[in-house]
Amino acid sequence: MANSKRDLFLKRRLRVRNKLRKMANGRARLSIHRSNKNISVQLIDDVNGVTLASASTLEKDFGLVGKNNVEAATKIGAAIAERAKKAGVEECYFDRGGFLFHGKVKALAEAAREGGLKF
């Protein structure tokens, strides 16, 4: 029985998220979402169920609406690191969801690390 790409994605997302929950220790979660046209990231406090900071290519300040490439991901990664510092978060864990750690996702993670986030 062949699984659809969507089913495999959902299985991978749950597997990744469940592994990360075991190691969370109350740290915030840096959750990423990538569509065909945009990329967005949120810093979430799972204990209180609150979003602490977010950044997306949909924000007009960046001038990246409708762009989903490595350069856009790098800018979003730097922005989330800056906003996390303002929110008082230095350590988090990286929730890549069902996306592979490659290309845009990797560029976003490296930019966030260079910006001062530790994960």
PDB file of N, CA and C in Angstrom:
ATOM      1  N   MET A   1       0.833  -1.170   0.000  1.00  0.00           N
ATOM      2  CA  MET A   1       0.000   0.000   0.000  1.00  0.00           C
ATOM      3  C   MET A   1       0.888   1.247   0.000  1.00  0.00           C
ATOM      4  N   ALA A   2       0.748   2.074  -0.989  1.00  0.00           N
ATOM      5  CA  ALA A   2       1.566   3.274  -1.107  1.00  0.00           C
ATOM      6  C   ALA A   2       0.936   4.417  -0.312  1.00  0.00           C
ATOM      7  N   ASN A   3       1.757   5.102   0.415  1.00  0.00           N
ATOM      8  CA  ASN A   3       1.300   6.276   1.163  1.00  0.00           C
ATOM      9  C   ASN A   3       1.436   7.511   0.282  1.00  0.00           C
ATOM     10  N   SER A   4       0.540   8.445   0.458  1.00  0.00           N
ATOM     11  CA  SER A   4       0.642   9.691  -0.298  1.00  0.00           C
ATOM     12  C   SER A   4       1.732  10.562   0.321  1.00  0.00           C
ATOM     13  N   LYS A   5       2.184  11.545  -0.416  1.00  0.00           N
ATOM     14  CA  LYS A   5       3.202  12.452   0.098  1.00  0.00           C
ATOM     15  C   LYS A   5       2.709  13.169   1.349  1.00  0.00           C
ATOM     16  N   ARG A   6       1.440  13.529   1.353  1.00  0.00           N
ATOM     17  CA  ARG A   6       0.865  14.235   2.509  1.00  0.00           C
ATOM     18  C   ARG A   6       0.866  13.347   3.748  1.00  0.00           C
ATOM     19  N   ASP A   7       0.508  12.079   3.588  1.00  0.00           N
ATOM     20  CA  ASP A   7       0.518  11.154   4.725  1.00  0.00           C
ATOM     21  C   ASP A   7       1.920  10.984   5.280  1.00  0.00           C
ATOM     22  N   LEU A   8       2.898  10.857   4.393  1.00  0.00           N
ATOM     23  CA  LEU A   8       4.279  10.714   4.836  1.00  0.00           C
ATOM     24  C   LEU A   8       4.758  11.976   5.552  1.00  0.00           C
ATOM     25  N   PHE A   9       4.357  13.139   5.047  1.00  0.00           N
ATOM     26  CA  PHE A   9       4.712  14.407   5.671  1.00  0.00           C
ATOM     27  C   PHE A   9       4.138  14.484   7.087  1.00  0.00           C
ATOM     28  N   LEU A  10       2.875  14.136   7.236  1.00  0.00           N
ATOM     29  CA  LEU A  10       2.221  14.202   8.549  1.00  0.00           C
ATOM     30  C   LEU A  10       2.847  13.226   9.539  1.00  0.00           C
ATOM     31  N   LYS A  11       3.188  12.022   9.081  1.00  0.00           N
ATOM     32  CA  LYS A  11       3.868  11.054   9.946  1.00  0.00           C
ATOM     33  C   LYS A  11       5.223  11.589  10.395  1.00  0.00           C
ATOM     34  N   ARG A  12       5.967  12.172   9.464  1.00  0.00           N
ATOM     35  CA  ARG A  12       7.293  12.711   9.776  1.00  0.00           C
ATOM     36  C   ARG A  12       7.168  13.876  10.760  1.00  0.00           C
ATOM     37  N   ARG A  13       6.157  14.746  10.577  1.00  0.00           N
ATOM     38  CA  ARG A  13       5.966  15.881  11.469  1.00  0.00           C
ATOM     39  C   ARG A  13       5.676  15.416  12.887  1.00  0.00           C
ATOM     40  N   LEU A  14       4.791  14.433  13.042  1.00  0.00           N
ATOM     41  CA  LEU A  14       4.483  13.917  14.376  1.00  0.00           C
ATOM     42  C   LEU A  14       5.690  13.241  15.014  1.00  0.00           C
ATOM     43  N   ARG A  15       6.446  12.520  14.228  1.00  0.00           N
ATOM     44  CA  ARG A  15       7.632  11.832  14.753  1.00  0.00           C
ATOM     45  C   ARG A  15       8.646  12.851  15.261  1.00  0.00           C
ATOM     46  N   VAL A  16       8.897  13.885  14.492  1.00  0.00           N
ATOM     47  CA  VAL A  16       9.855  14.918  14.890  1.00  0.00           C
ATOM     48  C   VAL A  16       9.370  15.652  16.124  1.00  0.00           C
ATOM     49  N   ARG A  17       8.116  16.061  16.135  1.00  0.00           N
ATOM     50  CA  ARG A  17       7.580  16.852  17.243  1.00  0.00           C
ATOM     51  C   ARG A  17       7.555  16.049  18.538  1.00  0.00           C
ATOM     52  N   ASN A  18       7.211  14.764  18.464  1.00  0.00           N
ATOM     53  CA  ASN A  18       7.173  13.936  19.671  1.00  0.00           C
ATOM     54  C   ASN A  18       8.563  13.713  20.236  1.00  0.00           C
ATOM     55  N   LYS A  19       9.553  13.546  19.385  1.00  0.00           N
ATOM     56  CA  LYS A  19      10.930  13.401  19.873  1.00  0.00           C
ATOM     57  C   LYS A  19      11.392  14.678  20.566  1.00  0.00           C
ATOM     58  N   LEU A  20      11.028  15.821  19.992  1.00  0.00           N
ATOM     59  CA  LEU A  20      11.453  17.088  20.572  1.00  0.00           C
ATOM     60  C   LEU A  20      10.758  17.381  21.893  1.00  0.00           C
ATOM     61  N   ARG A  21       9.503  16.976  22.024  1.00  0.00           N
ATOM     62  CA  ARG A  21       8.777  17.214  23.279  1.00  0.00           C
ATOM     63  C   ARG A  21       9.443  16.518  24.455  1.00  0.00           C
ATOM     64  N   LYS A  22      10.049  15.371  24.204  1.00  0.00           N
ATOM     65  CA  LYS A  22      10.708  14.630  25.278  1.00  0.00           C
ATOM     66  C   LYS A  22      11.925  15.390  25.805  1.00  0.00           C
ATOM     67  N   MET A  23      12.546  16.191  24.952  1.00  0.00           N
ATOM     68  CA  MET A  23      13.766  16.896  25.342  1.00  0.00           C
ATOM     69  C   MET A  23      13.521  18.377  25.627  1.00  0.00           C
ATOM     70  N   ALA A  24      12.290  18.817  25.673  1.00  0.00           N
ATOM     71  CA  ALA A  24      11.975  20.241  25.715  1.00  0.00           C
ATOM     72  C   ALA A  24      12.456  20.941  26.987  1.00  0.00           C
ATOM     73  N   ASN A  25      12.223  20.367  28.149  1.00  0.00           N
ATOM     74  CA  ASN A  25      12.604  20.964  29.434  1.00  0.00           C
ATOM     75  C   ASN A  25      12.094  22.391  29.596  1.00  0.00           C
ATOM     76  N   GLY A  26      10.896  22.682  29.125  1.00  0.00           N
ATOM     77  CA  GLY A  26      10.303  24.002  29.297  1.00  0.00           C
ATOM     78  C   GLY A  26      10.825  25.069  28.359  1.00  0.00           C
ATOM     79  N   ARG A  27      11.690  24.706  27.420  1.00  0.00           N
ATOM     80  CA  ARG A  27      12.196  25.693  26.460  1.00  0.00           C
ATOM     81  C   ARG A  27      11.133  26.014  25.419  1.00  0.00           C
ATOM     82  N   ALA A  28      11.294  27.137  24.775  1.00  0.00           N
ATOM     83  CA  ALA A  28      10.380  27.537  23.709  1.00  0.00           C
ATOM     84  C   ALA A  28      10.669  26.703  22.458  1.00  0.00           C
ATOM     85  N   ARG A  29       9.684  26.638  21.586  1.00  0.00           N
ATOM     86  CA  ARG A  29       9.800  25.862  20.346  1.00  0.00           C
ATOM     87  C   ARG A  29       9.832  26.822  19.166  1.00  0.00           C
ATOM     88  N   LEU A  30      10.836  26.675  18.309  1.00  0.00           N
ATOM     89  CA  LEU A  30      10.942  27.464  17.085  1.00  0.00           C
ATOM     90  C   LEU A  30      10.344  26.628  15.964  1.00  0.00           C
ATOM     91  N   SER A  31       9.100  26.931  15.621  1.00  0.00           N
ATOM     92  CA  SER A  31       8.348  26.137  14.655  1.00  0.00           C
ATOM     93  C   SER A  31       8.358  26.821  13.303  1.00  0.00           C
ATOM     94  N   ILE A  32       8.620  26.042  12.261  1.00  0.00           N
ATOM     95  CA  ILE A  32       8.742  26.582  10.921  1.00  0.00           C
ATOM     96  C   ILE A  32       7.633  26.039  10.039  1.00  0.00           C
ATOM     97  N   HIS A  33       7.144  26.886   9.144  1.00  0.00           N
ATOM     98  CA  HIS A  33       6.185  26.441   8.129  1.00  0.00           C
ATOM     99  C   HIS A  33       6.611  27.010   6.788  1.00  0.00           C
ATOM    100  N   ARG A  34       6.625  26.153   5.800  1.00  0.00           N
ATOM    101  CA  ARG A  34       7.054  26.534   4.466  1.00  0.00           C
ATOM    102  C   ARG A  34       5.970  26.137   3.483  1.00  0.00           C
ATOM    103  N   SER A  35       5.515  27.102   2.686  1.00  0.00           N
ATOM    104  CA  SER A  35       4.575  26.795   1.612  1.00  0.00           C
ATOM    105  C   SER A  35       5.299  27.006   0.292  1.00  0.00           C
ATOM    106  N   ASN A  36       4.586  26.886  -0.795  1.00  0.00           N
ATOM    107  CA  ASN A  36       5.225  27.091  -2.088  1.00  0.00           C
ATOM    108  C   ASN A  36       5.603  28.553  -2.304  1.00  0.00           C
ATOM    109  N   LYS A  37       4.867  29.471  -1.694  1.00  0.00           N
ATOM    110  CA  LYS A  37       5.102  30.888  -1.947  1.00  0.00           C
ATOM    111  C   LYS A  37       5.718  31.648  -0.781  1.00  0.00           C
ATOM    112  N   ASN A  38       5.577  31.158   0.437  1.00  0.00           N
ATOM    113  CA  ASN A  38       6.034  31.909   1.608  1.00  0.00           C
ATOM    114  C   ASN A  38       6.670  30.987   2.629  1.00  0.00           C
ATOM    115  N   ILE A  39       7.351  31.607   3.578  1.00  0.00           N
ATOM    116  CA  ILE A  39       7.946  30.871   4.690  1.00  0.00           C
ATOM    117  C   ILE A  39       7.682  31.671   5.959  1.00  0.00           C
ATOM    118  N   SER A  40       7.333  30.982   7.032  1.00  0.00           N
ATOM    119  CA  SER A  40       7.060  31.674   8.289  1.00  0.00           C
ATOM    120  C   SER A  40       7.606  30.847   9.441  1.00  0.00           C
ATOM    121  N   VAL A  41       7.865  31.526  10.547  1.00  0.00           N
ATOM    122  CA  VAL A  41       8.433  30.887  11.728  1.00  0.00           C
ATOM    123  C   VAL A  41       7.822  31.531  12.965  1.00  0.00           C
ATOM    124  N   GLN A  42       7.596  30.700  13.991  1.00  0.00           N
ATOM    125  CA  GLN A  42       7.036  31.177  15.255  1.00  0.00           C
ATOM    126  C   GLN A  42       7.867  30.648  16.409  1.00  0.00           C
ATOM    127  N   LEU A  43       7.990  31.437  17.424  1.00  0.00           N
ATOM    128  CA  LEU A  43       8.608  31.025  18.677  1.00  0.00           C
ATOM    129  C   LEU A  43       7.476  30.823  19.669  1.00  0.00           C
ATOM    130  N   ILE A  44       7.234  29.569  20.075  1.00  0.00           N
ATOM    131  CA  ILE A  44       6.042  29.217  20.833  1.00  0.00           C
ATOM    132  C   ILE A  44       6.427  28.703  22.219  1.00  0.00           C
ATOM    133  N   ASP A  45       5.723  29.186  23.228  1.00  0.00           N
ATOM    134  CA  ASP A  45       5.843  28.672  24.589  1.00  0.00           C
ATOM    135  C   ASP A  45       4.729  27.646  24.771  1.00  0.00           C
ATOM    136  N   ASP A  46       5.073  26.366  24.727  1.00  0.00           N
ATOM    137  CA  ASP A  46       4.074  25.306  24.790  1.00  0.00           C
ATOM    138  C   ASP A  46       3.456  25.152  26.177  1.00  0.00           C
ATOM    139  N   VAL A  47       4.169  25.559  27.216  1.00  0.00           N
ATOM    140  CA  VAL A  47       3.644  25.440  28.572  1.00  0.00           C
ATOM    141  C   VAL A  47       2.416  26.336  28.737  1.00  0.00           C
ATOM    142  N   ASN A  48       2.530  27.585  28.276  1.00  0.00           N
ATOM    143  CA  ASN A  48       1.429  28.533  28.397  1.00  0.00           C
ATOM    144  C   ASN A  48       0.568  28.608  27.144  1.00  0.00           C
ATOM    145  N   GLY A  49       1.017  28.001  26.062  1.00  0.00           N
ATOM    146  CA  GLY A  49       0.264  28.031  24.817  1.00  0.00           C
ATOM    147  C   GLY A  49       0.231  29.411  24.181  1.00  0.00           C
ATOM    148  N   VAL A  50       1.390  30.090  24.185  1.00  0.00           N
ATOM    149  CA  VAL A  50       1.471  31.463  23.701  1.00  0.00           C
ATOM    150  C   VAL A  50       2.576  31.585  22.652  1.00  0.00           C
ATOM    151  N   THR A  51       2.322  32.374  21.613  1.00  0.00           N
ATOM    152  CA  THR A  51       3.359  32.696  20.646  1.00  0.00           C
ATOM    153  C   THR A  51       4.147  33.887  21.169  1.00  0.00           C
ATOM    154  N   LEU A  52       5.453  33.710  21.338  1.00  0.00           N
ATOM    155  CA  LEU A  52       6.300  34.760  21.882  1.00  0.00           C
ATOM    156  C   LEU A  52       6.789  35.722  20.802  1.00  0.00           C
ATOM    157  N   ALA A  53       7.090  35.191  19.621  1.00  0.00           N
ATOM    158  CA  ALA A  53       7.569  36.023  18.513  1.00  0.00           C
ATOM    159  C   ALA A  53       7.292  35.276  17.215  1.00  0.00           C
ATOM    160  N   SER A  54       7.183  36.039  16.125  1.00  0.00           N
ATOM    161  CA  SER A  54       6.976  35.409  14.829  1.00  0.00           C
ATOM    162  C   SER A  54       7.555  36.288  13.737  1.00  0.00           C
ATOM    163  N   ALA A  55       7.820  35.674  12.596  1.00  0.00           N
ATOM    164  CA  ALA A  55       8.300  36.394  11.418  1.00  0.00           C
ATOM    165  C   ALA A  55       7.846  35.619  10.191  1.00  0.00           C
ATOM    166  N   SER A  56       7.561  36.355   9.125  1.00  0.00           N
ATOM    167  CA  SER A  56       7.055  35.715   7.918  1.00  0.00           C
ATOM    168  C   SER A  56       7.382  36.568   6.697  1.00  0.00           C
ATOM    169  N   THR A  57       7.456  35.923   5.546  1.00  0.00           N
ATOM    170  CA  THR A  57       7.642  36.678   4.313  1.00  0.00           C
ATOM    171  C   THR A  57       6.369  37.424   3.937  1.00  0.00           C
ATOM    172  N   LEU A  58       5.266  37.160   4.604  1.00  0.00           N
ATOM    173  CA  LEU A  58       4.016  37.869   4.343  1.00  0.00           C
ATOM    174  C   LEU A  58       4.019  39.283   4.927  1.00  0.00           C
ATOM    175  N   GLU A  59       4.965  39.581   5.822  1.00  0.00           N
ATOM    176  CA  GLU A  59       5.056  40.915   6.404  1.00  0.00           C
ATOM    177  C   GLU A  59       5.602  41.878   5.358  1.00  0.00           C
ATOM    178  N   LYS A  60       4.926  42.989   5.186  1.00  0.00           N
ATOM    179  CA  LYS A  60       5.298  43.943   4.140  1.00  0.00           C
ATOM    180  C   LYS A  60       6.608  44.659   4.447  1.00  0.00           C
ATOM    181  N   ASP A  61       7.026  44.684   5.723  1.00  0.00           N
ATOM    182  CA  ASP A  61       8.273  45.361   6.095  1.00  0.00           C
ATOM    183  C   ASP A  61       9.488  44.735   5.413  1.00  0.00           C
ATOM    184  N   PHE A  62       9.451  43.434   5.224  1.00  0.00           N
ATOM    185  CA  PHE A  62      10.586  42.741   4.620  1.00  0.00           C
ATOM    186  C   PHE A  62      10.624  42.901   3.106  1.00  0.00           C
ATOM    187  N   GLY A  63       9.487  43.148   2.486  1.00  0.00           N
ATOM    188  CA  GLY A  63       9.428  43.245   1.031  1.00  0.00           C
ATOM    189  C   GLY A  63       9.642  41.915   0.341  1.00  0.00           C
ATOM    190  N   LEU A  64       9.245  40.842   1.000  1.00  0.00           N
ATOM    191  CA  LEU A  64       9.469  39.493   0.474  1.00  0.00           C
ATOM    192  C   LEU A  64       8.169  38.758   0.196  1.00  0.00           C
ATOM    193  N   VAL A  65       7.054  39.459   0.067  1.00  0.00           N
ATOM    194  CA  VAL A  65       5.756  38.806  -0.109  1.00  0.00           C
ATOM    195  C   VAL A  65       5.790  37.956  -1.372  1.00  0.00           C
ATOM    196  N   GLY A  66       5.453  36.687  -1.212  1.00  0.00           N
ATOM    197  CA  GLY A  66       5.415  35.764  -2.337  1.00  0.00           C
ATOM    198  C   GLY A  66       6.761  35.178  -2.705  1.00  0.00           C
ATOM    199  N   LYS A  67       7.774  35.423  -1.872  1.00  0.00           N
ATOM    200  CA  LYS A  67       9.097  34.864  -2.166  1.00  0.00           C
ATOM    201  C   LYS A  67       9.417  33.780  -1.159  1.00  0.00           C
ATOM    202  N   ASN A  68       9.824  32.663  -1.666  1.00  0.00           N
ATOM    203  CA  ASN A  68      10.199  31.537  -0.830  1.00  0.00           C
ATOM    204  C   ASN A  68      11.488  30.965  -1.391  1.00  0.00           C
ATOM    205  N   ASN A  69      12.600  31.620  -1.048  1.00  0.00           N
ATOM    206  CA  ASN A  69      13.896  31.142  -1.499  1.00  0.00           C
ATOM    207  C   ASN A  69      14.884  31.216  -0.340  1.00  0.00           C
ATOM    208  N   VAL A  70      16.115  30.832  -0.587  1.00  0.00           N
ATOM    209  CA  VAL A  70      17.110  30.762   0.480  1.00  0.00           C
ATOM    210  C   VAL A  70      17.401  32.156   1.044  1.00  0.00           C
ATOM    211  N   GLU A  71      17.436  33.175   0.190  1.00  0.00           N
ATOM    212  CA  GLU A  71      17.703  34.533   0.675  1.00  0.00           C
ATOM    213  C   GLU A  71      16.586  35.010   1.599  1.00  0.00           C
ATOM    214  N   ALA A  72      15.346  34.733   1.234  1.00  0.00           N
ATOM    215  CA  ALA A  72      14.213  35.117   2.074  1.00  0.00           C
ATOM    216  C   ALA A  72      14.264  34.380   3.405  1.00  0.00           C
ATOM    217  N   ALA A  73      14.604  33.103   3.369  1.00  0.00           N
ATOM    218  CA  ALA A  73      14.697  32.314   4.599  1.00  0.00           C
ATOM    219  C   ALA A  73      15.789  32.857   5.515  1.00  0.00           C
ATOM    220  N   THR A  74      16.888  33.304   4.936  1.00  0.00           N
ATOM    221  CA  THR A  74      17.968  33.874   5.738  1.00  0.00           C
ATOM    222  C   THR A  74      17.514  35.155   6.428  1.00  0.00           C
ATOM    223  N   LYS A  75      16.798  36.011   5.723  1.00  0.00           N
ATOM    224  CA  LYS A  75      16.296  37.252   6.329  1.00  0.00           C
ATOM    225  C   LYS A  75      15.288  36.964   7.434  1.00  0.00           C
ATOM    226  N   ILE A  76      14.438  35.981   7.214  1.00  0.00           N
ATOM    227  CA  ILE A  76      13.440  35.622   8.227  1.00  0.00           C
ATOM    228  C   ILE A  76      14.127  35.036   9.460  1.00  0.00           C
ATOM    229  N   GLY A  77      15.165  34.234   9.262  1.00  0.00           N
ATOM    230  CA  GLY A  77      15.916  33.670  10.380  1.00  0.00           C
ATOM    231  C   GLY A  77      16.575  34.739  11.229  1.00  0.00           C
ATOM    232  N   ALA A  78      17.154  35.739  10.575  1.00  0.00           N
ATOM    233  CA  ALA A  78      17.776  36.841  11.312  1.00  0.00           C
ATOM    234  C   ALA A  78      16.720  37.649  12.068  1.00  0.00           C
ATOM    235  N   ALA A  79      15.559  37.837  11.444  1.00  0.00           N
ATOM    236  CA  ALA A  79      14.488  38.606  12.083  1.00  0.00           C
ATOM    237  C   ALA A  79      13.943  37.891  13.317  1.00  0.00           C
ATOM    238  N   ILE A  80      13.765  36.579  13.234  1.00  0.00           N
ATOM    239  CA  ILE A  80      13.216  35.852  14.384  1.00  0.00           C
ATOM    240  C   ILE A  80      14.227  35.839  15.536  1.00  0.00           C
ATOM    241  N   ALA A  81      15.513  35.802  15.223  1.00  0.00           N
ATOM    242  CA  ALA A  81      16.527  35.848  16.279  1.00  0.00           C
ATOM    243  C   ALA A  81      16.486  37.188  17.000  1.00  0.00           C
ATOM    244  N   GLU A  82      16.327  38.257  16.248  1.00  0.00           N
ATOM    245  CA  GLU A  82      16.245  39.589  16.840  1.00  0.00           C
ATOM    246  C   GLU A  82      14.986  39.736  17.698  1.00  0.00           C
ATOM    247  N   ARG A  83      13.869  39.246  17.195  1.00  0.00           N
ATOM    248  CA  ARG A  83      12.609  39.344  17.944  1.00  0.00           C
ATOM    249  C   ARG A  83      12.616  38.444  19.169  1.00  0.00           C
ATOM    250  N   ALA A  84      13.311  37.323  19.098  1.00  0.00           N
ATOM    251  CA  ALA A  84      13.418  36.434  20.258  1.00  0.00           C
ATOM    252  C   ALA A  84      14.213  37.105  21.374  1.00  0.00           C
ATOM    253  N   LYS A  85      15.264  37.822  20.999  1.00  0.00           N
ATOM    254  CA  LYS A  85      16.041  38.541  22.011  1.00  0.00           C
ATOM    255  C   LYS A  85      15.189  39.589  22.710  1.00  0.00           C
ATOM    256  N   LYS A  86      14.347  40.288  21.920  1.00  0.00           N
ATOM    257  CA  LYS A  86      13.455  41.284  22.515  1.00  0.00           C
ATOM    258  C   LYS A  86      12.449  40.634  23.454  1.00  0.00           C
ATOM    259  N   ALA A  87      12.043  39.410  23.145  1.00  0.00           N
ATOM    260  CA  ALA A  87      11.082  38.684  23.986  1.00  0.00           C
ATOM    261  C   ALA A  87      11.765  38.018  25.178  1.00  0.00           C
ATOM    262  N   GLY A  88      13.104  38.065  25.218  1.00  0.00           N
ATOM    263  CA  GLY A  88      13.840  37.497  26.345  1.00  0.00           C
ATOM    264  C   GLY A  88      14.117  36.002  26.212  1.00  0.00           C
ATOM    265  N   VAL A  89      14.127  35.494  24.994  1.00  0.00           N
ATOM    266  CA  VAL A  89      14.389  34.072  24.768  1.00  0.00           C
ATOM    267  C   VAL A  89      15.761  33.917  24.140  1.00  0.00           C
ATOM    268  N   GLU A  90      16.610  33.111  24.781  1.00  0.00           N
ATOM    269  CA  GLU A  90      17.937  32.839  24.221  1.00  0.00           C
ATOM    270  C   GLU A  90      18.068  31.398  23.767  1.00  0.00           C
ATOM    271  N   GLU A  91      17.362  30.483  24.438  1.00  0.00           N
ATOM    272  CA  GLU A  91      17.447  29.063  24.086  1.00  0.00           C
ATOM    273  C   GLU A  91      16.079  28.561  23.675  1.00  0.00           C
ATOM    274  N   CYS A  92      16.068  27.731  22.652  1.00  0.00           N
ATOM    275  CA  CYS A  92      14.829  27.125  22.186  1.00  0.00           C
ATOM    276  C   CYS A  92      15.203  25.798  21.534  1.00  0.00           C
ATOM    277  N   TYR A  93      14.219  25.099  21.049  1.00  0.00           N
ATOM    278  CA  TYR A  93      14.519  23.928  20.237  1.00  0.00           C
ATOM    279  C   TYR A  93      13.849  24.088  18.889  1.00  0.00           C
ATOM    280  N   PHE A  94      14.484  23.564  17.856  1.00  0.00           N
ATOM    281  CA  PHE A  94      14.095  23.790  16.474  1.00  0.00           C
ATOM    282  C   PHE A  94      13.146  22.689  16.023  1.00  0.00           C
ATOM    283  N   ASP A  95      11.914  23.080  15.728  1.00  0.00           N
ATOM    284  CA  ASP A  95      10.900  22.150  15.248  1.00  0.00           C
ATOM    285  C   ASP A  95      10.757  22.355  13.743  1.00  0.00           C
ATOM    286  N   ARG A  96      11.363  21.480  12.980  1.00  0.00           N
ATOM    287  CA  ARG A  96      11.320  21.617  11.534  1.00  0.00           C
ATOM    288  C   ARG A  96      10.032  21.064  10.955  1.00  0.00           C
ATOM    289  N   GLY A  97       9.160  20.528  11.798  1.00  0.00           N
ATOM    290  CA  GLY A  97       7.915  19.939  11.329  1.00  0.00           C
ATOM    291  C   GLY A  97       8.206  18.725  10.470  1.00  0.00           C
ATOM    292  N   GLY A  98       7.542  18.605   9.365  1.00  0.00           N
ATOM    293  CA  GLY A  98       7.785  17.491   8.468  1.00  0.00           C
ATOM    294  C   GLY A  98       8.750  17.832   7.356  1.00  0.00           C
ATOM    295  N   PHE A  99       9.332  19.039   7.418  1.00  0.00           N
ATOM    296  CA  PHE A  99      10.242  19.481   6.371  1.00  0.00           C
ATOM    297  C   PHE A  99      11.639  18.946   6.616  1.00  0.00           C
ATOM    298  N   LEU A 100      12.326  18.598   5.553  1.00  0.00           N
ATOM    299  CA  LEU A 100      13.691  18.112   5.659  1.00  0.00           C
ATOM    300  C   LEU A 100      14.620  19.273   5.995  1.00  0.00           C
ATOM    301  N   PHE A 101      15.662  18.987   6.777  1.00  0.00           N
ATOM    302  CA  PHE A 101      16.625  20.015   7.176  1.00  0.00           C
ATOM    303  C   PHE A 101      17.602  20.210   6.029  1.00  0.00           C
ATOM    304  N   HIS A 102      17.147  20.965   5.035  1.00  0.00           N
ATOM    305  CA  HIS A 102      17.915  21.135   3.817  1.00  0.00           C
ATOM    306  C   HIS A 102      17.427  22.386   3.111  1.00  0.00           C
ATOM    307  N   GLY A 103      18.294  23.101   2.459  1.00  0.00           N
ATOM    308  CA  GLY A 103      17.887  24.252   1.663  1.00  0.00           C
ATOM    309  C   GLY A 103      17.366  25.397   2.500  1.00  0.00           C
ATOM    310  N   LYS A 104      16.103  25.764   2.299  1.00  0.00           N
ATOM    311  CA  LYS A 104      15.505  26.931   2.950  1.00  0.00           C
ATOM    312  C   LYS A 104      15.409  26.758   4.456  1.00  0.00           C
ATOM    313  N   VAL A 105      15.065  25.568   4.888  1.00  0.00           N
ATOM    314  CA  VAL A 105      14.934  25.303   6.330  1.00  0.00           C
ATOM    315  C   VAL A 105      16.302  25.418   6.999  1.00  0.00           C
ATOM    316  N   LYS A 106      17.316  24.880   6.363  1.00  0.00           N
ATOM    317  CA  LYS A 106      18.672  24.956   6.903  1.00  0.00           C
ATOM    318  C   LYS A 106      19.173  26.399   6.916  1.00  0.00           C
ATOM    319  N   ALA A 107      18.879  27.164   5.859  1.00  0.00           N
ATOM    320  CA  ALA A 107      19.303  28.563   5.800  1.00  0.00           C
ATOM    321  C   ALA A 107      18.655  29.378   6.918  1.00  0.00           C
ATOM    322  N   LEU A 108      17.377  29.135   7.188  1.00  0.00           N
ATOM    323  CA  LEU A 108      16.680  29.832   8.259  1.00  0.00           C
ATOM    324  C   LEU A 108      17.306  29.490   9.614  1.00  0.00           C
ATOM    325  N   ALA A 109      17.600  28.217   9.840  1.00  0.00           N
ATOM    326  CA  ALA A 109      18.181  27.782  11.111  1.00  0.00           C
ATOM    327  C   ALA A 109      19.567  28.389  11.319  1.00  0.00           C
ATOM    328  N   GLU A 110      20.386  28.395  10.281  1.00  0.00           N
ATOM    329  CA  GLU A 110      21.732  28.955  10.414  1.00  0.00           C
ATOM    330  C   GLU A 110      21.692  30.455  10.669  1.00  0.00           C
ATOM    331  N   ALA A 111      20.777  31.168  10.016  1.00  0.00           N
ATOM    332  CA  ALA A 111      20.649  32.607  10.240  1.00  0.00           C
ATOM    333  C   ALA A 111      20.179  32.894  11.664  1.00  0.00           C
ATOM    334  N   ALA A 112      19.275  32.072  12.182  1.00  0.00           N
ATOM    335  CA  ALA A 112      18.806  32.253  13.559  1.00  0.00           C
ATOM    336  C   ALA A 112      19.940  31.983  14.548  1.00  0.00           C
ATOM    337  N   ARG A 113      20.760  30.991  14.267  1.00  0.00           N
ATOM    338  CA  ARG A 113      21.908  30.706  15.144  1.00  0.00           C
ATOM    339  C   ARG A 113      22.895  31.847  15.112  1.00  0.00           C
ATOM    340  N   GLU A 114      23.165  32.394  13.930  1.00  0.00           N
ATOM    341  CA  GLU A 114      24.090  33.520  13.819  1.00  0.00           C
ATOM    342  C   GLU A 114      23.541  34.750  14.532  1.00  0.00           C
ATOM    343  N   GLY A 115      22.226  34.871  14.584  1.00  0.00           N
ATOM    344  CA  GLY A 115      21.571  35.980  15.262  1.00  0.00           C
ATOM    345  C   GLY A 115      21.591  35.860  16.782  1.00  0.00           C
ATOM    346  N   GLY A 116      22.005  34.712  17.296  1.00  0.00           N
ATOM    347  CA  GLY A 116      22.144  34.570  18.743  1.00  0.00           C
ATOM    348  C   GLY A 116      21.253  33.533  19.393  1.00  0.00           C
ATOM    349  N   LEU A 117      20.340  32.910  18.647  1.00  0.00           N
ATOM    350  CA  LEU A 117      19.507  31.850  19.235  1.00  0.00           C
ATOM    351  C   LEU A 117      20.336  30.587  19.396  1.00  0.00           C
ATOM    352  N   LYS A 118      20.100  29.886  20.483  1.00  0.00           N
ATOM    353  CA  LYS A 118      20.812  28.626  20.731  1.00  0.00           C
ATOM    354  C   LYS A 118      19.841  27.476  20.664  1.00  0.00           C
ATOM    355  N   PHE A 119      20.095  26.538  19.763  1.00  0.00           N
ATOM    356  CA  PHE A 119      19.313  25.304  19.678  1.00  0.00           C
ATOM    357  C   PHE A 119      20.143  24.225  19.059  1.00  0.00           C
TER     358      PHE A 119
END
